[in-house]
N, C-alpha and C. Protein backbone atom coordinates (compact mmCIF):
# COMPACT_ATOMS: atom_id res chain seq x y z
N MET A 1 -37.80 -38.11 58.57
CA MET A 1 -38.84 -39.52 59.00
C MET A 1 -38.01 -40.45 60.07
N SER A 2 -38.86 -41.62 60.74
CA SER A 2 -37.86 -42.11 61.97
C SER A 2 -37.86 -43.58 60.54
N PRO A 3 -36.11 -44.37 60.97
CA PRO A 3 -36.50 -45.66 60.40
C PRO A 3 -37.64 -46.50 60.24
N GLU A 4 -38.04 -46.71 60.79
CA GLU A 4 -39.60 -47.20 62.34
C GLU A 4 -40.71 -46.45 60.58
N PHE A 5 -40.96 -45.31 61.05
CA PHE A 5 -41.97 -45.13 59.81
C PHE A 5 -41.60 -44.86 58.81
N GLN A 6 -40.70 -44.73 58.09
CA GLN A 6 -39.92 -45.00 56.44
C GLN A 6 -40.44 -46.71 56.31
N SER A 7 -39.94 -47.50 57.19
CA SER A 7 -40.27 -49.18 57.71
C SER A 7 -42.26 -49.20 56.92
N ALA A 8 -42.86 -48.75 57.80
CA ALA A 8 -44.32 -48.89 57.92
C ALA A 8 -44.84 -48.19 55.99
N PHE A 9 -44.37 -46.92 56.27
CA PHE A 9 -44.96 -46.35 55.24
C PHE A 9 -45.01 -46.90 53.72
N ASN A 10 -43.26 -47.29 53.34
CA ASN A 10 -43.04 -48.12 52.34
C ASN A 10 -42.70 -49.12 52.21
N VAL A 11 -43.50 -49.78 52.69
CA VAL A 11 -43.52 -51.44 53.37
C VAL A 11 -45.45 -50.79 52.12
N VAL A 12 -46.22 -50.57 53.02
CA VAL A 12 -47.01 -50.20 52.42
C VAL A 12 -47.84 -49.44 50.83
N LYS A 13 -46.67 -48.57 50.79
CA LYS A 13 -46.59 -48.33 49.13
C LYS A 13 -46.13 -49.06 48.63
N GLY A 14 -44.95 -50.07 48.88
CA GLY A 14 -44.50 -50.90 47.50
C GLY A 14 -43.71 -49.97 46.97
N SER A 15 -42.48 -48.91 48.03
CA SER A 15 -41.41 -48.65 47.57
C SER A 15 -40.47 -49.26 48.65
N VAL A 16 -39.81 -48.46 48.83
CA VAL A 16 -38.14 -48.36 49.15
C VAL A 16 -37.18 -47.15 49.92
N PRO A 17 -37.05 -46.87 51.12
CA PRO A 17 -37.41 -45.62 51.39
C PRO A 17 -36.05 -44.72 50.78
N ALA A 18 -36.39 -44.30 51.38
CA ALA A 18 -34.67 -43.14 50.88
C ALA A 18 -33.78 -42.83 52.00
N ARG A 19 -33.99 -43.57 53.10
CA ARG A 19 -32.78 -43.72 53.91
C ARG A 19 -32.71 -44.59 53.77
N THR A 20 -30.71 -45.39 54.18
CA THR A 20 -30.14 -46.63 53.84
C THR A 20 -30.24 -47.33 55.32
N ASP A 21 -31.20 -46.56 56.42
CA ASP A 21 -30.50 -47.45 57.61
C ASP A 21 -32.25 -48.06 57.96
N VAL A 22 -32.42 -48.19 57.26
CA VAL A 22 -34.50 -48.75 57.83
C VAL A 22 -33.88 -50.13 56.84
N SER A 23 -34.43 -51.14 58.61
CA SER A 23 -34.24 -52.28 57.90
C SER A 23 -35.14 -53.21 57.28
N ASN A 24 -34.33 -53.62 56.02
CA ASN A 24 -35.41 -54.40 55.27
C ASN A 24 -36.18 -56.26 55.91
N GLU A 25 -36.45 -55.82 57.16
CA GLU A 25 -37.02 -57.15 57.47
C GLU A 25 -38.76 -57.29 57.52
N ALA A 26 -39.04 -56.45 56.96
CA ALA A 26 -40.72 -56.24 56.86
C ALA A 26 -40.76 -56.18 55.55
N PHE A 27 -40.06 -56.44 54.89
CA PHE A 27 -39.76 -55.23 53.23
C PHE A 27 -40.64 -57.02 52.29
N ASP A 28 -40.65 -57.88 51.35
CA ASP A 28 -41.24 -58.47 51.00
C ASP A 28 -39.49 -58.49 50.34
N ALA A 29 -39.78 -59.77 48.81
CA ALA A 29 -38.32 -60.10 48.34
C ALA A 29 -37.72 -59.12 47.18
N CYS A 30 -38.59 -58.41 46.53
CA CYS A 30 -39.13 -57.84 46.14
C CYS A 30 -38.26 -56.46 45.98
N GLY A 31 -39.12 -56.00 47.77
CA GLY A 31 -38.64 -54.85 48.63
C GLY A 31 -37.02 -54.60 48.94
N LYS A 32 -36.66 -56.45 49.30
CA LYS A 32 -35.45 -56.39 50.29
C LYS A 32 -34.04 -55.87 48.71
N LYS A 33 -35.07 -56.60 47.57
CA LYS A 33 -33.75 -56.21 46.35
C LYS A 33 -33.08 -55.03 46.10
N GLY A 34 -34.43 -54.35 46.01
CA GLY A 34 -34.50 -52.67 46.19
C GLY A 34 -33.74 -51.77 46.86
N MET A 35 -34.10 -51.90 47.91
CA MET A 35 -33.56 -51.43 49.39
C MET A 35 -31.93 -52.13 49.08
N ALA A 36 -31.31 -53.50 48.39
CA ALA A 36 -29.71 -53.59 48.02
C ALA A 36 -29.07 -53.12 47.51
N ASP A 37 -30.48 -52.57 45.85
CA ASP A 37 -29.35 -52.26 44.60
C ASP A 37 -29.05 -50.74 45.06
N LEU A 38 -29.78 -50.72 45.59
CA LEU A 38 -29.85 -48.44 46.29
C LEU A 38 -28.68 -48.56 47.25
N ALA A 39 -28.46 -49.46 48.29
CA ALA A 39 -27.52 -49.48 49.03
C ALA A 39 -26.36 -49.63 48.17
N GLU A 40 -25.72 -50.47 47.15
CA GLU A 40 -24.83 -50.49 46.75
C GLU A 40 -25.00 -49.15 45.59
N ALA A 41 -25.67 -48.97 44.78
CA ALA A 41 -25.57 -47.67 44.02
C ALA A 41 -24.65 -46.33 45.15
N ASN A 42 -25.49 -46.45 46.21
CA ASN A 42 -24.65 -45.46 46.84
C ASN A 42 -23.84 -45.87 47.48
N LYS A 43 -23.21 -46.88 47.38
CA LYS A 43 -22.12 -47.04 48.23
C LYS A 43 -20.60 -46.64 46.56
N ASN A 44 -21.16 -46.99 45.45
CA ASN A 44 -20.20 -47.16 44.52
C ASN A 44 -20.33 -45.86 43.99
N GLY A 45 -21.13 -44.74 44.22
CA GLY A 45 -21.62 -43.77 43.96
C GLY A 45 -22.07 -43.46 42.60
N THR A 46 -22.64 -44.67 42.06
CA THR A 46 -23.40 -44.92 40.64
C THR A 46 -24.96 -44.46 40.26
N LEU A 47 -25.31 -43.98 41.76
CA LEU A 47 -26.74 -43.92 42.15
C LEU A 47 -27.13 -42.64 41.19
N VAL A 48 -28.44 -42.34 40.71
CA VAL A 48 -28.94 -41.52 39.13
C VAL A 48 -30.04 -41.86 40.36
N GLY A 49 -30.16 -40.07 40.01
CA GLY A 49 -32.13 -39.54 41.22
C GLY A 49 -32.77 -39.96 39.86
N SER A 50 -33.85 -39.66 40.03
CA SER A 50 -35.24 -40.13 39.74
C SER A 50 -35.51 -39.00 38.27
N MET A 51 -35.50 -39.85 37.00
CA MET A 51 -36.24 -38.45 36.39
C MET A 51 -37.70 -37.71 36.34
N ALA A 52 -38.78 -38.79 37.33
CA ALA A 52 -39.86 -38.05 37.42
C ALA A 52 -39.46 -37.43 38.22
N HIS A 53 -38.83 -36.65 39.23
CA HIS A 53 -38.41 -36.01 40.20
C HIS A 53 -37.45 -34.85 39.78
N GLY A 54 -36.88 -35.05 38.53
CA GLY A 54 -36.13 -33.65 38.38
C GLY A 54 -34.70 -33.79 38.75
N HIS A 55 -34.41 -35.12 39.32
CA HIS A 55 -32.90 -35.01 39.52
C HIS A 55 -32.13 -35.78 38.06
N ALA A 56 -32.62 -36.03 37.22
CA ALA A 56 -31.67 -37.01 36.32
C ALA A 56 -32.30 -36.02 34.87
N ALA A 57 -32.80 -35.63 34.41
CA ALA A 57 -33.16 -34.79 33.07
C ALA A 57 -34.15 -33.44 34.02
N PRO A 58 -33.75 -32.28 32.84
CA PRO A 58 -34.29 -31.07 33.35
C PRO A 58 -35.41 -31.91 32.96
N ALA A 59 -36.81 -30.82 33.39
CA ALA A 59 -38.36 -30.60 33.21
C ALA A 59 -38.75 -30.82 31.64
N ALA A 60 -38.35 -30.14 31.24
CA ALA A 60 -38.60 -30.21 29.68
C ALA A 60 -37.71 -31.47 28.99
N VAL A 61 -36.85 -31.86 29.46
CA VAL A 61 -36.61 -33.37 28.18
C VAL A 61 -37.29 -34.62 29.83
N LYS A 62 -37.56 -34.45 30.61
CA LYS A 62 -38.81 -35.29 31.17
C LYS A 62 -39.93 -35.58 30.87
N ASN A 63 -40.94 -33.67 30.07
CA ASN A 63 -41.94 -34.26 29.42
C ASN A 63 -41.94 -34.76 28.65
N GLY A 64 -40.56 -34.20 27.80
CA GLY A 64 -41.05 -34.58 25.78
C GLY A 64 -40.96 -35.94 26.49
N VAL A 65 -40.39 -37.24 26.62
CA VAL A 65 -40.03 -38.25 26.90
C VAL A 65 -41.37 -39.07 27.82
N TYR A 66 -42.41 -38.45 27.78
CA TYR A 66 -43.22 -38.83 29.25
C TYR A 66 -44.20 -38.49 27.91
N ASP A 67 -44.39 -37.93 26.70
CA ASP A 67 -44.70 -37.73 25.66
C ASP A 67 -45.01 -38.66 25.25
N VAL A 68 -43.61 -39.05 24.10
CA VAL A 68 -43.67 -40.32 23.66
C VAL A 68 -44.04 -41.26 24.13
N VAL A 69 -43.69 -41.50 25.93
CA VAL A 69 -44.24 -42.79 25.39
C VAL A 69 -45.35 -43.39 25.92
N THR A 70 -45.84 -41.61 26.40
CA THR A 70 -47.77 -42.81 26.96
C THR A 70 -48.21 -42.90 25.20
N ASN A 71 -47.55 -42.11 24.37
CA ASN A 71 -48.28 -41.88 23.05
C ASN A 71 -48.03 -43.33 22.47
N HIS A 72 -46.70 -43.74 22.37
CA HIS A 72 -46.26 -45.22 21.91
C HIS A 72 -46.77 -46.26 22.82
N PHE A 73 -46.96 -46.10 24.55
CA PHE A 73 -48.19 -47.47 25.00
C PHE A 73 -49.87 -47.36 24.61
N ASN A 74 -50.06 -45.75 23.99
CA ASN A 74 -51.51 -45.82 23.90
C ASN A 74 -52.04 -46.11 22.65
N GLY A 75 -50.36 -46.74 21.67
CA GLY A 75 -51.16 -47.47 20.48
C GLY A 75 -50.87 -46.43 19.42
N GLY A 76 -50.17 -44.77 19.66
CA GLY A 76 -49.99 -44.46 18.63
C GLY A 76 -48.94 -44.33 17.86
N MET A 77 -48.22 -45.12 18.34
CA MET A 77 -47.15 -44.73 17.12
C MET A 77 -46.29 -46.75 17.62
N ASP A 78 -45.90 -47.51 17.05
CA ASP A 78 -44.95 -48.08 16.89
C ASP A 78 -43.96 -48.33 18.00
N SER A 79 -42.44 -48.95 17.88
CA SER A 79 -41.45 -48.90 18.85
C SER A 79 -40.96 -48.37 17.61
N GLN A 80 -40.76 -48.51 16.59
CA GLN A 80 -39.55 -47.66 15.46
C GLN A 80 -39.62 -46.65 16.06
N GLN A 81 -41.41 -46.01 15.30
CA GLN A 81 -41.63 -44.64 15.32
C GLN A 81 -40.81 -43.84 16.48
N ALA A 82 -41.40 -44.03 18.10
CA ALA A 82 -41.20 -44.00 19.32
C ALA A 82 -39.69 -43.84 19.50
N THR A 83 -39.21 -44.57 18.82
CA THR A 83 -37.50 -44.36 19.48
C THR A 83 -37.15 -43.15 18.20
N LYS A 84 -37.23 -43.33 17.24
CA LYS A 84 -37.12 -42.00 16.46
C LYS A 84 -37.89 -40.28 17.41
N ALA A 85 -39.31 -40.81 17.71
CA ALA A 85 -39.73 -39.36 18.11
C ALA A 85 -39.01 -39.37 19.64
N LEU A 86 -38.30 -40.15 20.42
CA LEU A 86 -37.41 -39.89 21.52
C LEU A 86 -36.51 -39.37 21.37
N VAL A 87 -35.44 -40.10 20.88
CA VAL A 87 -34.45 -38.90 20.10
C VAL A 87 -34.64 -37.54 19.52
N ALA A 88 -36.11 -37.06 19.13
CA ALA A 88 -36.43 -35.30 18.73
C ALA A 88 -36.98 -34.72 19.93
N ALA A 89 -37.50 -35.81 21.01
CA ALA A 89 -37.76 -35.01 21.45
C ALA A 89 -36.49 -33.94 22.87
N VAL A 90 -35.61 -35.41 22.85
CA VAL A 90 -35.20 -35.14 24.23
C VAL A 90 -33.95 -33.90 23.35
N GLN A 91 -33.61 -34.38 21.86
CA GLN A 91 -33.27 -33.29 21.49
C GLN A 91 -33.52 -31.38 20.83
N ASP A 92 -34.56 -31.28 21.20
CA ASP A 92 -35.57 -30.33 21.53
C ASP A 92 -35.65 -29.86 22.39
N ALA A 93 -35.11 -30.27 23.64
CA ALA A 93 -35.50 -29.81 24.88
C ALA A 93 -34.33 -29.28 25.33
N GLN A 94 -33.31 -29.74 24.59
CA GLN A 94 -31.84 -29.16 25.20
C GLN A 94 -31.83 -27.97 24.14
């Protein structure tokens, strides 16, 4: 996808383009910060892929984390319970 399309699409979506050669001119302050952070992490070799897209963790880990986070934010457990459940979910998934 062209840099122009990436700019137009991501400005509307409220996200940061995956391409690092897209001008930040059309983005708001948050978008510009996100783009700068992405470029810096890419340059420094510290860029970590998205857990949501299967890059940072296997699907079993992601699903376990999502289940605990969803339960916690829906009032099914307090923070202390959620912390313990996250540890267990990751251990069980591995």
